[in-house]
Amino acid sequence: LMAMEALKRKKNWTHGEIVFDFTMK
């Protein structure tokens, strides 16, 4: 769900990477 929400911030580009750094604390 967080990744889907972050995807909404992708603007005007069609090539690249999305990187999610995650940790449990």
PDBML (XML) file of the C-alpha atoms, coordinates in Angstrom:
<?xml version="1.0" encoding="UTF-8" ?>
<PDBx:datablock datablockName="MODEL"
   xmlns:PDBx="http://pdbml.pdb.org/schema/pdbx-v50.xsd"
   xmlns:xsi="http://www.w3.org/2001/XMLSchema-instance"
   xsi:schemaLocation="http://pdbml.pdb.org/schema/pdbx-v50.xsd pdbx-v50.xsd">
   <PDBx:atom_siteCategory>
      <PDBx:atom_site id="1">
         <PDBx:B_iso_or_equiv>0.00</PDBx:B_iso_or_equiv>
         <PDBx:Cartn_x>0.000</PDBx:Cartn_x>
         <PDBx:Cartn_y>0.000</PDBx:Cartn_y>
         <PDBx:Cartn_z>0.000</PDBx:Cartn_z>
         <PDBx:auth_asym_id>A</PDBx:auth_asym_id>
         <PDBx:auth_atom_id>CA</PDBx:auth_atom_id>
         <PDBx:auth_comp_id>LEU</PDBx:auth_comp_id>
         <PDBx:auth_seq_id>1</PDBx:auth_seq_id>
         <PDBx:group_PDB>ATOM</PDBx:group_PDB>
         <PDBx:label_alt_id xsi:nil="true" />
         <PDBx:label_asym_id>A</PDBx:label_asym_id>
         <PDBx:label_atom_id>CA</PDBx:label_atom_id>
         <PDBx:label_comp_id>LEU</PDBx:label_comp_id>
         <PDBx:label_entity_id>1</PDBx:label_entity_id>
         <PDBx:label_seq_id>1</PDBx:label_seq_id>
         <PDBx:occupancy>1.00</PDBx:occupancy>
         <PDBx:pdbx_PDB_model_num>1</PDBx:pdbx_PDB_model_num>
         <PDBx:type_symbol>C</PDBx:type_symbol>
      </PDBx:atom_site>
      <PDBx:atom_site id="2">
         <PDBx:B_iso_or_equiv>0.00</PDBx:B_iso_or_equiv>
         <PDBx:Cartn_x>2.890</PDBx:Cartn_x>
         <PDBx:Cartn_y>2.388</PDBx:Cartn_y>
         <PDBx:Cartn_z>0.757</PDBx:Cartn_z>
         <PDBx:auth_asym_id>A</PDBx:auth_asym_id>
         <PDBx:auth_atom_id>CA</PDBx:auth_atom_id>
         <PDBx:auth_comp_id>MET</PDBx:auth_comp_id>
         <PDBx:auth_seq_id>2</PDBx:auth_seq_id>
         <PDBx:group_PDB>ATOM</PDBx:group_PDB>
         <PDBx:label_alt_id xsi:nil="true" />
         <PDBx:label_asym_id>A</PDBx:label_asym_id>
         <PDBx:label_atom_id>CA</PDBx:label_atom_id>
         <PDBx:label_comp_id>MET</PDBx:label_comp_id>
         <PDBx:label_entity_id>1</PDBx:label_entity_id>
         <PDBx:label_seq_id>2</PDBx:label_seq_id>
         <PDBx:occupancy>1.00</PDBx:occupancy>
         <PDBx:pdbx_PDB_model_num>1</PDBx:pdbx_PDB_model_num>
         <PDBx:type_symbol>C</PDBx:type_symbol>
      </PDBx:atom_site>
      <PDBx:atom_site id="3">
         <PDBx:B_iso_or_equiv>0.00</PDBx:B_iso_or_equiv>
         <PDBx:Cartn_x>4.462</PDBx:Cartn_x>
         <PDBx:Cartn_y>1.532</PDBx:Cartn_y>
         <PDBx:Cartn_z>-2.609</PDBx:Cartn_z>
         <PDBx:auth_asym_id>A</PDBx:auth_asym_id>
         <PDBx:auth_atom_id>CA</PDBx:auth_atom_id>
         <PDBx:auth_comp_id>ALA</PDBx:auth_comp_id>
         <PDBx:auth_seq_id>3</PDBx:auth_seq_id>
         <PDBx:group_PDB>ATOM</PDBx:group_PDB>
         <PDBx:label_alt_id xsi:nil="true" />
         <PDBx:label_asym_id>A</PDBx:label_asym_id>
         <PDBx:label_atom_id>CA</PDBx:label_atom_id>
         <PDBx:label_comp_id>ALA</PDBx:label_comp_id>
         <PDBx:label_entity_id>1</PDBx:label_entity_id>
         <PDBx:label_seq_id>3</PDBx:label_seq_id>
         <PDBx:occupancy>1.00</PDBx:occupancy>
         <PDBx:pdbx_PDB_model_num>1</PDBx:pdbx_PDB_model_num>
         <PDBx:type_symbol>C</PDBx:type_symbol>
      </PDBx:atom_site>
      <PDBx:atom_site id="4">
         <PDBx:B_iso_or_equiv>0.00</PDBx:B_iso_or_equiv>
         <PDBx:Cartn_x>1.174</PDBx:Cartn_x>
         <PDBx:Cartn_y>2.198</PDBx:Cartn_y>
         <PDBx:Cartn_z>-4.400</PDBx:Cartn_z>
         <PDBx:auth_asym_id>A</PDBx:auth_asym_id>
         <PDBx:auth_atom_id>CA</PDBx:auth_atom_id>
         <PDBx:auth_comp_id>MET</PDBx:auth_comp_id>
         <PDBx:auth_seq_id>4</PDBx:auth_seq_id>
         <PDBx:group_PDB>ATOM</PDBx:group_PDB>
         <PDBx:label_alt_id xsi:nil="true" />
         <PDBx:label_asym_id>A</PDBx:label_asym_id>
         <PDBx:label_atom_id>CA</PDBx:label_atom_id>
         <PDBx:label_comp_id>MET</PDBx:label_comp_id>
         <PDBx:label_entity_id>1</PDBx:label_entity_id>
         <PDBx:label_seq_id>4</PDBx:label_seq_id>
         <PDBx:occupancy>1.00</PDBx:occupancy>
         <PDBx:pdbx_PDB_model_num>1</PDBx:pdbx_PDB_model_num>
         <PDBx:type_symbol>C</PDBx:type_symbol>
      </PDBx:atom_site>
      <PDBx:atom_site id="5">
         <PDBx:B_iso_or_equiv>0.00</PDBx:B_iso_or_equiv>
         <PDBx:Cartn_x>0.894</PDBx:Cartn_x>
         <PDBx:Cartn_y>5.566</PDBx:Cartn_y>
         <PDBx:Cartn_z>-2.658</PDBx:Cartn_z>
         <PDBx:auth_asym_id>A</PDBx:auth_asym_id>
         <PDBx:auth_atom_id>CA</PDBx:auth_atom_id>
         <PDBx:auth_comp_id>GLU</PDBx:auth_comp_id>
         <PDBx:auth_seq_id>5</PDBx:auth_seq_id>
         <PDBx:group_PDB>ATOM</PDBx:group_PDB>
         <PDBx:label_alt_id xsi:nil="true" />
         <PDBx:label_asym_id>A</PDBx:label_asym_id>
         <PDBx:label_atom_id>CA</PDBx:label_atom_id>
         <PDBx:label_comp_id>GLU</PDBx:label_comp_id>
         <PDBx:label_entity_id>1</PDBx:label_entity_id>
         <PDBx:label_seq_id>5</PDBx:label_seq_id>
         <PDBx:occupancy>1.00</PDBx:occupancy>
         <PDBx:pdbx_PDB_model_num>1</PDBx:pdbx_PDB_model_num>
         <PDBx:type_symbol>C</PDBx:type_symbol>
      </PDBx:atom_site>
      <PDBx:atom_site id="6">
         <PDBx:B_iso_or_equiv>0.00</PDBx:B_iso_or_equiv>
         <PDBx:Cartn_x>4.495</PDBx:Cartn_x>
         <PDBx:Cartn_y>6.440</PDBx:Cartn_y>
         <PDBx:Cartn_z>-3.571</PDBx:Cartn_z>
         <PDBx:auth_asym_id>A</PDBx:auth_asym_id>
         <PDBx:auth_atom_id>CA</PDBx:auth_atom_id>
         <PDBx:auth_comp_id>ALA</PDBx:auth_comp_id>
         <PDBx:auth_seq_id>6</PDBx:auth_seq_id>
         <PDBx:group_PDB>ATOM</PDBx:group_PDB>
         <PDBx:label_alt_id xsi:nil="true" />
         <PDBx:label_asym_id>A</PDBx:label_asym_id>
         <PDBx:label_atom_id>CA</PDBx:label_atom_id>
         <PDBx:label_comp_id>ALA</PDBx:label_comp_id>
         <PDBx:label_entity_id>1</PDBx:label_entity_id>
         <PDBx:label_seq_id>6</PDBx:label_seq_id>
         <PDBx:occupancy>1.00</PDBx:occupancy>
         <PDBx:pdbx_PDB_model_num>1</PDBx:pdbx_PDB_model_num>
         <PDBx:type_symbol>C</PDBx:type_symbol>
      </PDBx:atom_site>
      <PDBx:atom_site id="7">
         <PDBx:B_iso_or_equiv>0.00</PDBx:B_iso_or_equiv>
         <PDBx:Cartn_x>3.767</PDBx:Cartn_x>
         <PDBx:Cartn_y>5.584</PDBx:Cartn_y>
         <PDBx:Cartn_z>-7.208</PDBx:Cartn_z>
         <PDBx:auth_asym_id>A</PDBx:auth_asym_id>
         <PDBx:auth_atom_id>CA</PDBx:auth_atom_id>
         <PDBx:auth_comp_id>LEU</PDBx:auth_comp_id>
         <PDBx:auth_seq_id>7</PDBx:auth_seq_id>
         <PDBx:group_PDB>ATOM</PDBx:group_PDB>
         <PDBx:label_alt_id xsi:nil="true" />
         <PDBx:label_asym_id>A</PDBx:label_asym_id>
         <PDBx:label_atom_id>CA</PDBx:label_atom_id>
         <PDBx:label_comp_id>LEU</PDBx:label_comp_id>
         <PDBx:label_entity_id>1</PDBx:label_entity_id>
         <PDBx:label_seq_id>7</PDBx:label_seq_id>
         <PDBx:occupancy>1.00</PDBx:occupancy>
         <PDBx:pdbx_PDB_model_num>1</PDBx:pdbx_PDB_model_num>
         <PDBx:type_symbol>C</PDBx:type_symbol>
      </PDBx:atom_site>
      <PDBx:atom_site id="8">
         <PDBx:B_iso_or_equiv>0.00</PDBx:B_iso_or_equiv>
         <PDBx:Cartn_x>1.322</PDBx:Cartn_x>
         <PDBx:Cartn_y>8.526</PDBx:Cartn_y>
         <PDBx:Cartn_z>-7.289</PDBx:Cartn_z>
         <PDBx:auth_asym_id>A</PDBx:auth_asym_id>
         <PDBx:auth_atom_id>CA</PDBx:auth_atom_id>
         <PDBx:auth_comp_id>LYS</PDBx:auth_comp_id>
         <PDBx:auth_seq_id>8</PDBx:auth_seq_id>
         <PDBx:group_PDB>ATOM</PDBx:group_PDB>
         <PDBx:label_alt_id xsi:nil="true" />
         <PDBx:label_asym_id>A</PDBx:label_asym_id>
         <PDBx:label_atom_id>CA</PDBx:label_atom_id>
         <PDBx:label_comp_id>LYS</PDBx:label_comp_id>
         <PDBx:label_entity_id>1</PDBx:label_entity_id>
         <PDBx:label_seq_id>8</PDBx:label_seq_id>
         <PDBx:occupancy>1.00</PDBx:occupancy>
         <PDBx:pdbx_PDB_model_num>1</PDBx:pdbx_PDB_model_num>
         <PDBx:type_symbol>C</PDBx:type_symbol>
      </PDBx:atom_site>
      <PDBx:atom_site id="9">
         <PDBx:B_iso_or_equiv>0.00</PDBx:B_iso_or_equiv>
         <PDBx:Cartn_x>4.338</PDBx:Cartn_x>
         <PDBx:Cartn_y>10.843</PDBx:Cartn_y>
         <PDBx:Cartn_z>-6.893</PDBx:Cartn_z>
         <PDBx:auth_asym_id>A</PDBx:auth_asym_id>
         <PDBx:auth_atom_id>CA</PDBx:auth_atom_id>
         <PDBx:auth_comp_id>ARG</PDBx:auth_comp_id>
         <PDBx:auth_seq_id>9</PDBx:auth_seq_id>
         <PDBx:group_PDB>ATOM</PDBx:group_PDB>
         <PDBx:label_alt_id xsi:nil="true" />
         <PDBx:label_asym_id>A</PDBx:label_asym_id>
         <PDBx:label_atom_id>CA</PDBx:label_atom_id>
         <PDBx:label_comp_id>ARG</PDBx:label_comp_id>
         <PDBx:label_entity_id>1</PDBx:label_entity_id>
         <PDBx:label_seq_id>9</PDBx:label_seq_id>
         <PDBx:occupancy>1.00</PDBx:occupancy>
         <PDBx:pdbx_PDB_model_num>1</PDBx:pdbx_PDB_model_num>
         <PDBx:type_symbol>C</PDBx:type_symbol>
      </PDBx:atom_site>
      <PDBx:atom_site id="10">
         <PDBx:B_iso_or_equiv>0.00</PDBx:B_iso_or_equiv>
         <PDBx:Cartn_x>5.982</PDBx:Cartn_x>
         <PDBx:Cartn_y>9.597</PDBx:Cartn_y>
         <PDBx:Cartn_z>-10.106</PDBx:Cartn_z>
         <PDBx:auth_asym_id>A</PDBx:auth_asym_id>
         <PDBx:auth_atom_id>CA</PDBx:auth_atom_id>
         <PDBx:auth_comp_id>LYS</PDBx:auth_comp_id>
         <PDBx:auth_seq_id>10</PDBx:auth_seq_id>
         <PDBx:group_PDB>ATOM</PDBx:group_PDB>
         <PDBx:label_alt_id xsi:nil="true" />
         <PDBx:label_asym_id>A</PDBx:label_asym_id>
         <PDBx:label_atom_id>CA</PDBx:label_atom_id>
         <PDBx:label_comp_id>LYS</PDBx:label_comp_id>
         <PDBx:label_entity_id>1</PDBx:label_entity_id>
         <PDBx:label_seq_id>10</PDBx:label_seq_id>
         <PDBx:occupancy>1.00</PDBx:occupancy>
         <PDBx:pdbx_PDB_model_num>1</PDBx:pdbx_PDB_model_num>
         <PDBx:type_symbol>C</PDBx:type_symbol>
      </PDBx:atom_site>
      <PDBx:atom_site id="11">
         <PDBx:B_iso_or_equiv>0.00</PDBx:B_iso_or_equiv>
         <PDBx:Cartn_x>5.574</PDBx:Cartn_x>
         <PDBx:Cartn_y>12.428</PDBx:Cartn_y>
         <PDBx:Cartn_z>-12.602</PDBx:Cartn_z>
         <PDBx:auth_asym_id>A</PDBx:auth_asym_id>
         <PDBx:auth_atom_id>CA</PDBx:auth_atom_id>
         <PDBx:auth_comp_id>LYS</PDBx:auth_comp_id>
         <PDBx:auth_seq_id>11</PDBx:auth_seq_id>
         <PDBx:group_PDB>ATOM</PDBx:group_PDB>
         <PDBx:label_alt_id xsi:nil="true" />
         <PDBx:label_asym_id>A</PDBx:label_asym_id>
         <PDBx:label_atom_id>CA</PDBx:label_atom_id>
         <PDBx:label_comp_id>LYS</PDBx:label_comp_id>
         <PDBx:label_entity_id>1</PDBx:label_entity_id>
         <PDBx:label_seq_id>11</PDBx:label_seq_id>
         <PDBx:occupancy>1.00</PDBx:occupancy>
         <PDBx:pdbx_PDB_model_num>1</PDBx:pdbx_PDB_model_num>
         <PDBx:type_symbol>C</PDBx:type_symbol>
      </PDBx:atom_site>
      <PDBx:atom_site id="12">
         <PDBx:B_iso_or_equiv>0.00</PDBx:B_iso_or_equiv>
         <PDBx:Cartn_x>6.291</PDBx:Cartn_x>
         <PDBx:Cartn_y>12.809</PDBx:Cartn_y>
         <PDBx:Cartn_z>-16.312</PDBx:Cartn_z>
         <PDBx:auth_asym_id>A</PDBx:auth_asym_id>
         <PDBx:auth_atom_id>CA</PDBx:auth_atom_id>
         <PDBx:auth_comp_id>ASN</PDBx:auth_comp_id>
         <PDBx:auth_seq_id>12</PDBx:auth_seq_id>
         <PDBx:group_PDB>ATOM</PDBx:group_PDB>
         <PDBx:label_alt_id xsi:nil="true" />
         <PDBx:label_asym_id>A</PDBx:label_asym_id>
         <PDBx:label_atom_id>CA</PDBx:label_atom_id>
         <PDBx:label_comp_id>ASN</PDBx:label_comp_id>
         <PDBx:label_entity_id>1</PDBx:label_entity_id>
         <PDBx:label_seq_id>12</PDBx:label_seq_id>
         <PDBx:occupancy>1.00</PDBx:occupancy>
         <PDBx:pdbx_PDB_model_num>1</PDBx:pdbx_PDB_model_num>
         <PDBx:type_symbol>C</PDBx:type_symbol>
      </PDBx:atom_site>
      <PDBx:atom_site id="13">
         <PDBx:B_iso_or_equiv>0.00</PDBx:B_iso_or_equiv>
         <PDBx:Cartn_x>8.888</PDBx:Cartn_x>
         <PDBx:Cartn_y>10.091</PDBx:Cartn_y>
         <PDBx:Cartn_z>-16.800</PDBx:Cartn_z>
         <PDBx:auth_asym_id>A</PDBx:auth_asym_id>
         <PDBx:auth_atom_id>CA</PDBx:auth_atom_id>
         <PDBx:auth_comp_id>TRP</PDBx:auth_comp_id>
         <PDBx:auth_seq_id>13</PDBx:auth_seq_id>
         <PDBx:group_PDB>ATOM</PDBx:group_PDB>
         <PDBx:label_alt_id xsi:nil="true" />
         <PDBx:label_asym_id>A</PDBx:label_asym_id>
         <PDBx:label_atom_id>CA</PDBx:label_atom_id>
         <PDBx:label_comp_id>TRP</PDBx:label_comp_id>
         <PDBx:label_entity_id>1</PDBx:label_entity_id>
         <PDBx:label_seq_id>13</PDBx:label_seq_id>
         <PDBx:occupancy>1.00</PDBx:occupancy>
         <PDBx:pdbx_PDB_model_num>1</PDBx:pdbx_PDB_model_num>
         <PDBx:type_symbol>C</PDBx:type_symbol>
      </PDBx:atom_site>
      <PDBx:atom_site id="14">
         <PDBx:B_iso_or_equiv>0.00</PDBx:B_iso_or_equiv>
         <PDBx:Cartn_x>8.562</PDBx:Cartn_x>
         <PDBx:Cartn_y>6.687</PDBx:Cartn_y>
         <PDBx:Cartn_z>-18.395</PDBx:Cartn_z>
         <PDBx:auth_asym_id>A</PDBx:auth_asym_id>
         <PDBx:auth_atom_id>CA</PDBx:auth_atom_id>
         <PDBx:auth_comp_id>THR</PDBx:auth_comp_id>
         <PDBx:auth_seq_id>14</PDBx:auth_seq_id>
         <PDBx:group_PDB>ATOM</PDBx:group_PDB>
         <PDBx:label_alt_id xsi:nil="true" />
         <PDBx:label_asym_id>A</PDBx:label_asym_id>
         <PDBx:label_atom_id>CA</PDBx:label_atom_id>
         <PDBx:label_comp_id>THR</PDBx:label_comp_id>
         <PDBx:label_entity_id>1</PDBx:label_entity_id>
         <PDBx:label_seq_id>14</PDBx:label_seq_id>
         <PDBx:occupancy>1.00</PDBx:occupancy>
         <PDBx:pdbx_PDB_model_num>1</PDBx:pdbx_PDB_model_num>
         <PDBx:type_symbol>C</PDBx:type_symbol>
      </PDBx:atom_site>
      <PDBx:atom_site id="15">
         <PDBx:B_iso_or_equiv>0.00</PDBx:B_iso_or_equiv>
         <PDBx:Cartn_x>12.033</PDBx:Cartn_x>
         <PDBx:Cartn_y>5.159</PDBx:Cartn_y>
         <PDBx:Cartn_z>-17.859</PDBx:Cartn_z>
         <PDBx:auth_asym_id>A</PDBx:auth_asym_id>
         <PDBx:auth_atom_id>CA</PDBx:auth_atom_id>
         <PDBx:auth_comp_id>HIS</PDBx:auth_comp_id>
         <PDBx:auth_seq_id>15</PDBx:auth_seq_id>
         <PDBx:group_PDB>ATOM</PDBx:group_PDB>
         <PDBx:label_alt_id xsi:nil="true" />
         <PDBx:label_asym_id>A</PDBx:label_asym_id>
         <PDBx:label_atom_id>CA</PDBx:label_atom_id>
         <PDBx:label_comp_id>HIS</PDBx:label_comp_id>
         <PDBx:label_entity_id>1</PDBx:label_entity_id>
         <PDBx:label_seq_id>15</PDBx:label_seq_id>
         <PDBx:occupancy>1.00</PDBx:occupancy>
         <PDBx:pdbx_PDB_model_num>1</PDBx:pdbx_PDB_model_num>
         <PDBx:type_symbol>C</PDBx:type_symbol>
      </PDBx:atom_site>
      <PDBx:atom_site id="16">
         <PDBx:B_iso_or_equiv>0.00</PDBx:B_iso_or_equiv>
         <PDBx:Cartn_x>13.909</PDBx:Cartn_x>
         <PDBx:Cartn_y>4.694</PDBx:Cartn_y>
         <PDBx:Cartn_z>-14.592</PDBx:Cartn_z>
         <PDBx:auth_asym_id>A</PDBx:auth_asym_id>
         <PDBx:auth_atom_id>CA</PDBx:auth_atom_id>
         <PDBx:auth_comp_id>GLY</PDBx:auth_comp_id>
         <PDBx:auth_seq_id>16</PDBx:auth_seq_id>
         <PDBx:group_PDB>ATOM</PDBx:group_PDB>
         <PDBx:label_alt_id xsi:nil="true" />
         <PDBx:label_asym_id>A</PDBx:label_asym_id>
         <PDBx:label_atom_id>CA</PDBx:label_atom_id>
         <PDBx:label_comp_id>GLY</PDBx:label_comp_id>
         <PDBx:label_entity_id>1</PDBx:label_entity_id>
         <PDBx:label_seq_id>16</PDBx:label_seq_id>
         <PDBx:occupancy>1.00</PDBx:occupancy>
         <PDBx:pdbx_PDB_model_num>1</PDBx:pdbx_PDB_model_num>
         <PDBx:type_symbol>C</PDBx:type_symbol>
      </PDBx:atom_site>
      <PDBx:atom_site id="17">
         <PDBx:B_iso_or_equiv>0.00</PDBx:B_iso_or_equiv>
         <PDBx:Cartn_x>13.801</PDBx:Cartn_x>
         <PDBx:Cartn_y>2.946</PDBx:Cartn_y>
         <PDBx:Cartn_z>-11.222</PDBx:Cartn_z>
         <PDBx:auth_asym_id>A</PDBx:auth_asym_id>
         <PDBx:auth_atom_id>CA</PDBx:auth_atom_id>
         <PDBx:auth_comp_id>GLU</PDBx:auth_comp_id>
         <PDBx:auth_seq_id>17</PDBx:auth_seq_id>
         <PDBx:group_PDB>ATOM</PDBx:group_PDB>
         <PDBx:label_alt_id xsi:nil="true" />
         <PDBx:label_asym_id>A</PDBx:label_asym_id>
         <PDBx:label_atom_id>CA</PDBx:label_atom_id>
         <PDBx:label_comp_id>GLU</PDBx:label_comp_id>
         <PDBx:label_entity_id>1</PDBx:label_entity_id>
         <PDBx:label_seq_id>17</PDBx:label_seq_id>
         <PDBx:occupancy>1.00</PDBx:occupancy>
         <PDBx:pdbx_PDB_model_num>1</PDBx:pdbx_PDB_model_num>
         <PDBx:type_symbol>C</PDBx:type_symbol>
      </PDBx:atom_site>
      <PDBx:atom_site id="18">
         <PDBx:B_iso_or_equiv>0.00</PDBx:B_iso_or_equiv>
         <PDBx:Cartn_x>11.826</PDBx:Cartn_x>
         <PDBx:Cartn_y>3.077</PDBx:Cartn_y>
         <PDBx:Cartn_z>-8.035</PDBx:Cartn_z>
         <PDBx:auth_asym_id>A</PDBx:auth_asym_id>
         <PDBx:auth_atom_id>CA</PDBx:auth_atom_id>
         <PDBx:auth_comp_id>ILE</PDBx:auth_comp_id>
         <PDBx:auth_seq_id>18</PDBx:auth_seq_id>
         <PDBx:group_PDB>ATOM</PDBx:group_PDB>
         <PDBx:label_alt_id xsi:nil="true" />
         <PDBx:label_asym_id>A</PDBx:label_asym_id>
         <PDBx:label_atom_id>CA</PDBx:label_atom_id>
         <PDBx:label_comp_id>ILE</PDBx:label_comp_id>
         <PDBx:label_entity_id>1</PDBx:label_entity_id>
         <PDBx:label_seq_id>18</PDBx:label_seq_id>
         <PDBx:occupancy>1.00</PDBx:occupancy>
         <PDBx:pdbx_PDB_model_num>1</PDBx:pdbx_PDB_model_num>
         <PDBx:type_symbol>C</PDBx:type_symbol>
      </PDBx:atom_site>
      <PDBx:atom_site id="19">
         <PDBx:B_iso_or_equiv>0.00</PDBx:B_iso_or_equiv>
         <PDBx:Cartn_x>13.781</PDBx:Cartn_x>
         <PDBx:Cartn_y>1.940</PDBx:Cartn_y>
         <PDBx:Cartn_z>-4.994</PDBx:Cartn_z>
         <PDBx:auth_asym_id>A</PDBx:auth_asym_id>
         <PDBx:auth_atom_id>CA</PDBx:auth_atom_id>
         <PDBx:auth_comp_id>VAL</PDBx:auth_comp_id>
         <PDBx:auth_seq_id>19</PDBx:auth_seq_id>
         <PDBx:group_PDB>ATOM</PDBx:group_PDB>
         <PDBx:label_alt_id xsi:nil="true" />
         <PDBx:label_asym_id>A</PDBx:label_asym_id>
         <PDBx:label_atom_id>CA</PDBx:label_atom_id>
         <PDBx:label_comp_id>VAL</PDBx:label_comp_id>
         <PDBx:label_entity_id>1</PDBx:label_entity_id>
         <PDBx:label_seq_id>19</PDBx:label_seq_id>
         <PDBx:occupancy>1.00</PDBx:occupancy>
         <PDBx:pdbx_PDB_model_num>1</PDBx:pdbx_PDB_model_num>
         <PDBx:type_symbol>C</PDBx:type_symbol>
      </PDBx:atom_site>
      <PDBx:atom_site id="20">
         <PDBx:B_iso_or_equiv>0.00</PDBx:B_iso_or_equiv>
         <PDBx:Cartn_x>12.194</PDBx:Cartn_x>
         <PDBx:Cartn_y>1.061</PDBx:Cartn_y>
         <PDBx:Cartn_z>-1.664</PDBx:Cartn_z>
         <PDBx:auth_asym_id>A</PDBx:auth_asym_id>
         <PDBx:auth_atom_id>CA</PDBx:auth_atom_id>
         <PDBx:auth_comp_id>PHE</PDBx:auth_comp_id>
         <PDBx:auth_seq_id>20</PDBx:auth_seq_id>
         <PDBx:group_PDB>ATOM</PDBx:group_PDB>
         <PDBx:label_alt_id xsi:nil="true" />
         <PDBx:label_asym_id>A</PDBx:label_asym_id>
         <PDBx:label_atom_id>CA</PDBx:label_atom_id>
         <PDBx:label_comp_id>PHE</PDBx:label_comp_id>
         <PDBx:label_entity_id>1</PDBx:label_entity_id>
         <PDBx:label_seq_id>20</PDBx:label_seq_id>
         <PDBx:occupancy>1.00</PDBx:occupancy>
         <PDBx:pdbx_PDB_model_num>1</PDBx:pdbx_PDB_model_num>
         <PDBx:type_symbol>C</PDBx:type_symbol>
      </PDBx:atom_site>
      <PDBx:atom_site id="21">
         <PDBx:B_iso_or_equiv>0.00</PDBx:B_iso_or_equiv>
         <PDBx:Cartn_x>14.571</PDBx:Cartn_x>
         <PDBx:Cartn_y>0.752</PDBx:Cartn_y>
         <PDBx:Cartn_z>1.308</PDBx:Cartn_z>
         <PDBx:auth_asym_id>A</PDBx:auth_asym_id>
         <PDBx:auth_atom_id>CA</PDBx:auth_atom_id>
         <PDBx:auth_comp_id>ASP</PDBx:auth_comp_id>
         <PDBx:auth_seq_id>21</PDBx:auth_seq_id>
         <PDBx:group_PDB>ATOM</PDBx:group_PDB>
         <PDBx:label_alt_id xsi:nil="true" />
         <PDBx:label_asym_id>A</PDBx:label_asym_id>
         <PDBx:label_atom_id>CA</PDBx:label_atom_id>
         <PDBx:label_comp_id>ASP</PDBx:label_comp_id>
         <PDBx:label_entity_id>1</PDBx:label_entity_id>
         <PDBx:label_seq_id>21</PDBx:label_seq_id>
         <PDBx:occupancy>1.00</PDBx:occupancy>
         <PDBx:pdbx_PDB_model_num>1</PDBx:pdbx_PDB_model_num>
         <PDBx:type_symbol>C</PDBx:type_symbol>
      </PDBx:atom_site>
      <PDBx:atom_site id="22">
         <PDBx:B_iso_or_equiv>0.00</PDBx:B_iso_or_equiv>
         <PDBx:Cartn_x>12.795</PDBx:Cartn_x>
         <PDBx:Cartn_y>-1.006</PDBx:Cartn_y>
         <PDBx:Cartn_z>4.162</PDBx:Cartn_z>
         <PDBx:auth_asym_id>A</PDBx:auth_asym_id>
         <PDBx:auth_atom_id>CA</PDBx:auth_atom_id>
         <PDBx:auth_comp_id>PHE</PDBx:auth_comp_id>
         <PDBx:auth_seq_id>22</PDBx:auth_seq_id>
         <PDBx:group_PDB>ATOM</PDBx:group_PDB>
         <PDBx:label_alt_id xsi:nil="true" />
         <PDBx:label_asym_id>A</PDBx:label_asym_id>
         <PDBx:label_atom_id>CA</PDBx:label_atom_id>
         <PDBx:label_comp_id>PHE</PDBx:label_comp_id>
         <PDBx:label_entity_id>1</PDBx:label_entity_id>
         <PDBx:label_seq_id>22</PDBx:label_seq_id>
         <PDBx:occupancy>1.00</PDBx:occupancy>
         <PDBx:pdbx_PDB_model_num>1</PDBx:pdbx_PDB_model_num>
         <PDBx:type_symbol>C</PDBx:type_symbol>
      </PDBx:atom_site>
      <PDBx:atom_site id="23">
         <PDBx:B_iso_or_equiv>0.00</PDBx:B_iso_or_equiv>
         <PDBx:Cartn_x>13.568</PDBx:Cartn_x>
         <PDBx:Cartn_y>-2.097</PDBx:Cartn_y>
         <PDBx:Cartn_z>7.689</PDBx:Cartn_z>
         <PDBx:auth_asym_id>A</PDBx:auth_asym_id>
         <PDBx:auth_atom_id>CA</PDBx:auth_atom_id>
         <PDBx:auth_comp_id>THR</PDBx:auth_comp_id>
         <PDBx:auth_seq_id>23</PDBx:auth_seq_id>
         <PDBx:group_PDB>ATOM</PDBx:group_PDB>
         <PDBx:label_alt_id xsi:nil="true" />
         <PDBx:label_asym_id>A</PDBx:label_asym_id>
         <PDBx:label_atom_id>CA</PDBx:label_atom_id>
         <PDBx:label_comp_id>THR</PDBx:label_comp_id>
         <PDBx:label_entity_id>1</PDBx:label_entity_id>
         <PDBx:label_seq_id>23</PDBx:label_seq_id>
         <PDBx:occupancy>1.00</PDBx:occupancy>
         <PDBx:pdbx_PDB_model_num>1</PDBx:pdbx_PDB_model_num>
         <PDBx:type_symbol>C</PDBx:type_symbol>
      </PDBx:atom_site>
      <PDBx:atom_site id="24">
         <PDBx:B_iso_or_equiv>0.00</PDBx:B_iso_or_equiv>
         <PDBx:Cartn_x>11.741</PDBx:Cartn_x>
         <PDBx:Cartn_y>-3.494</PDBx:Cartn_y>
         <PDBx:Cartn_z>10.698</PDBx:Cartn_z>
         <PDBx:auth_asym_id>A</PDBx:auth_asym_id>
         <PDBx:auth_atom_id>CA</PDBx:auth_atom_id>
         <PDBx:auth_comp_id>MET</PDBx:auth_comp_id>
         <PDBx:auth_seq_id>24</PDBx:auth_seq_id>
         <PDBx:group_PDB>ATOM</PDBx:group_PDB>
         <PDBx:label_alt_id xsi:nil="true" />
         <PDBx:label_asym_id>A</PDBx:label_asym_id>
         <PDBx:label_atom_id>CA</PDBx:label_atom_id>
         <PDBx:label_comp_id>MET</PDBx:label_comp_id>
         <PDBx:label_entity_id>1</PDBx:label_entity_id>
         <PDBx:label_seq_id>24</PDBx:label_seq_id>
         <PDBx:occupancy>1.00</PDBx:occupancy>
         <PDBx:pdbx_PDB_model_num>1</PDBx:pdbx_PDB_model_num>
         <PDBx:type_symbol>C</PDBx:type_symbol>
      </PDBx:atom_site>
      <PDBx:atom_site id="25">
         <PDBx:B_iso_or_equiv>0.00</PDBx:B_iso_or_equiv>
         <PDBx:Cartn_x>12.204</PDBx:Cartn_x>
         <PDBx:Cartn_y>-1.683</PDBx:Cartn_y>
         <PDBx:Cartn_z>14.013</PDBx:Cartn_z>
         <PDBx:auth_asym_id>A</PDBx:auth_asym_id>
         <PDBx:auth_atom_id>CA</PDBx:auth_atom_id>
         <PDBx:auth_comp_id>LYS</PDBx:auth_comp_id>
         <PDBx:auth_seq_id>25</PDBx:auth_seq_id>
         <PDBx:group_PDB>ATOM</PDBx:group_PDB>
         <PDBx:label_alt_id xsi:nil="true" />
         <PDBx:label_asym_id>A</PDBx:label_asym_id>
         <PDBx:label_atom_id>CA</PDBx:label_atom_id>
         <PDBx:label_comp_id>LYS</PDBx:label_comp_id>
         <PDBx:label_entity_id>1</PDBx:label_entity_id>
         <PDBx:label_seq_id>25</PDBx:label_seq_id>
         <PDBx:occupancy>1.00</PDBx:occupancy>
         <PDBx:pdbx_PDB_model_num>1</PDBx:pdbx_PDB_model_num>
         <PDBx:type_symbol>C</PDBx:type_symbol>
      </PDBx:atom_site>
   </PDBx:atom_siteCategory>
</PDBx:datablock>
